[in-house]
Protein backbone atom coordinates (compact mmCIF):
# COMPACT_ATOMS: atom_id res chain seq x y z
CA MET A 1 57.70 89.20 104.08
CA PHE A 2 59.02 92.55 103.11
CA ARG A 3 56.98 95.19 101.82
CA LEU A 4 57.74 98.11 99.69
CA ASN A 5 56.30 101.22 100.76
CA ASN A 6 55.11 103.12 97.54
CA ASP A 7 55.29 106.36 99.41
CA VAL A 8 58.93 106.23 99.54
CA PRO A 9 60.76 107.68 96.36
CA SER A 10 62.53 105.21 94.17
CA LEU A 11 66.60 105.18 94.48
CA SER A 12 66.77 107.33 91.04
CA GLU A 13 64.73 110.43 92.53
CA GLN A 14 67.11 110.60 95.61
CA GLU A 15 69.65 113.46 95.60
CA PRO A 16 72.86 112.03 95.33
CA VAL A 17 75.03 111.78 98.40
CA HIS A 18 78.49 113.32 98.10
CA LEU A 19 81.33 112.12 100.47
CA PHE A 20 83.88 114.06 98.75
CA PRO A 21 82.44 116.84 97.00
CA ASN A 22 85.37 118.56 95.90
CA ASP A 23 87.21 115.88 94.33
CA TYR A 24 85.90 114.52 90.89
CA THR A 25 89.17 114.06 89.36
CA ASN A 26 89.06 110.33 88.59
CA VAL A 27 85.30 111.42 86.70
CA LYS A 28 84.95 113.08 83.40
CA ASP A 29 81.75 114.15 82.18
CA SER A 30 81.36 113.63 78.68
CA GLU A 31 77.99 114.43 78.18
CA PRO A 32 76.38 116.76 80.87
CA SER A 33 74.04 114.17 82.02
CA LYS A 34 76.51 111.25 82.01
CA LEU A 35 79.27 110.76 84.15
CA CYS A 36 82.11 108.09 83.46
CA TRP A 37 85.59 106.98 84.59
CA ARG A 38 88.96 108.32 83.05
CA ASN A 39 90.78 106.30 81.20
CA ALA A 40 94.37 105.98 82.79
CA ALA A 41 95.90 108.40 80.30
CA ASP A 42 93.51 110.93 81.24
CA LEU A 43 94.10 111.18 85.15
CA PRO A 44 95.76 113.79 86.66
CA PRO A 45 99.48 113.26 88.21
CA ALA A 46 98.67 110.69 91.23
CA GLY A 47 99.86 113.60 94.07
CA GLN A 48 96.89 115.42 92.81
CA HIS A 49 93.97 113.10 93.45
CA PHE A 50 93.10 110.20 95.96
CA ASP A 51 92.18 106.82 95.32
CA SER A 52 90.36 105.51 97.86
CA PRO A 53 87.48 107.00 99.61
CA TYR A 54 88.40 105.08 103.22
CA ASP A 55 91.87 106.94 103.36
CA THR A 56 91.95 110.55 101.39
CA ASP A 57 95.92 110.42 101.91
CA THR A 58 96.38 107.42 99.85
CA ARG A 59 98.11 107.76 96.78
CA TYR A 60 98.45 105.73 93.35
CA GLY A 61 101.89 103.82 93.61
CA ASN A 62 104.02 102.38 90.40
CA LYS A 63 107.17 100.22 90.59
CA ARG A 64 108.36 98.64 87.55
CA THR A 65 105.57 96.20 87.25
CA THR A 66 103.98 96.27 90.44
CA THR A 67 101.01 99.03 90.95
CA TRP A 68 99.06 99.79 94.35
CA THR A 69 96.81 102.44 96.26
CA GLY A 70 98.43 103.42 99.40
CA TYR A 71 102.11 104.29 100.94
CA LYS A 72 105.77 103.43 100.57
CA VAL A 73 107.74 102.05 103.58
CA HIS A 74 111.54 102.83 103.87
CA ILE A 75 113.57 100.18 105.79
CA THR A 76 117.03 100.67 106.95
CA GLU A 77 118.75 97.94 108.57
CA THR A 78 122.38 96.73 109.79
CA CYS A 79 123.80 94.39 107.39
CA GLY A 80 127.31 93.46 108.34
CA ALA A 81 128.50 89.90 107.65
CA ASN A 82 128.92 88.81 111.50
CA ASP A 83 126.24 91.44 112.97
CA VAL A 84 122.45 90.64 113.84
CA HIS A 85 120.51 92.64 111.23
CA LEU A 86 118.51 95.11 113.29
CA ILE A 87 115.97 97.60 111.68
CA THR A 88 117.62 100.85 112.48
CA ASN A 89 115.06 103.51 110.23
CA VAL A 90 111.13 103.39 109.22
CA GLU A 91 109.97 105.87 106.82
CA MET A 92 106.38 105.95 105.17
CA THR A 93 105.85 108.02 102.46
CA LEU A 94 102.80 108.56 100.27
CA ALA A 95 103.05 105.84 97.57
CA HIS A 96 103.62 108.11 94.83
CA LEU A 97 106.75 109.87 95.59
CA SER A 98 110.39 109.07 94.45
CA ASP A 99 112.54 106.96 96.07
CA VAL A 100 115.46 109.20 95.44
CA ASP A 101 113.95 111.66 97.54
CA GLN A 102 113.76 109.62 100.90
CA THR A 103 117.30 109.06 101.08
CA GLN A 104 118.43 112.53 102.72
CA PRO A 105 115.44 112.22 105.08
CA ILE A 106 116.70 108.70 106.13
CA HIS A 107 120.40 110.09 106.49
CA LEU A 108 119.24 112.94 108.73
CA SER A 109 117.30 110.46 110.82
CA LEU A 110 119.84 108.02 111.35
CA GLU A 111 122.25 110.96 112.35
CA ALA A 112 119.70 112.24 114.77
CA LYS A 113 119.46 109.15 116.48
CA GLY A 114 123.27 108.69 116.38
CA LEU A 115 123.25 105.92 114.00
CA SER A 116 124.66 107.06 110.59
CA PRO A 117 126.79 104.15 109.07
CA LYS A 118 130.15 104.79 107.34
CA GLU A 119 128.74 102.95 104.32
CA HIS A 120 124.76 102.79 102.96
CA ILE A 121 124.32 99.83 100.17
CA VAL A 122 120.72 100.98 98.68
CA ASP A 123 118.66 99.93 95.57
CA ALA A 124 119.50 101.60 92.44
CA GLY A 125 116.15 103.92 92.63
CA TYR A 126 117.61 105.89 95.91
CA VAL A 127 120.85 107.72 94.38
CA ASP A 128 121.69 109.93 91.78
CA SER A 129 124.92 111.31 91.18
CA GLU A 130 124.33 114.77 93.17
CA LEU A 131 123.17 112.37 96.21
CA LEU A 132 126.32 110.38 96.22
CA VAL A 133 128.14 113.50 96.24
CA LYS A 134 126.30 114.76 99.02
CA SER A 135 125.86 111.99 101.60
CA LYS A 136 129.64 112.10 101.76
CA ILE A 137 130.09 115.83 102.26
CA ASP A 138 127.04 116.28 104.46
CA PHE A 139 127.02 113.00 106.58
CA ASP A 140 130.08 111.33 106.19
CA ILE A 141 128.43 108.12 104.45
CA ASN A 142 129.73 106.30 101.37
CA THR A 143 126.50 105.57 99.77
CA PHE A 144 126.63 102.35 97.15
CA ALA A 145 124.03 101.48 94.64
CA LYS A 146 124.08 99.26 91.51
CA ILE A 147 123.61 102.50 89.02
CA ARG A 148 120.89 102.11 86.18
CA ALA A 149 122.31 101.80 82.76
């Protein structure tokens, strides 16, 4: 049988344990003695706070109707009609970073491996007008994507 020792102070009398004392971005103090979670609209941008006490590098990501806390993985593969599909490059980034900002690093990585394609078909989130032009000039890669309306 468990017996409570009356000499031990109750939990409410204990000093709080602060695992991450410098980051209270998810908490606001509406009253000096009361802390509460911020509403989503009151949170700072995703890159300015962490969302997991287990991995402080993770960030909040949002893509259309999907949200998550973690990372993004950008995979490049061959896709010739008569070719074996092989993964040629993998990049991992924080979840809040924009896809369009990953295309040039992907092209640099492919170039360093001697695997630059002549044509690179990407999702619409990976291109803008400047990148379409720069990919051809800088890497001799014709980048194709369905452009968002």
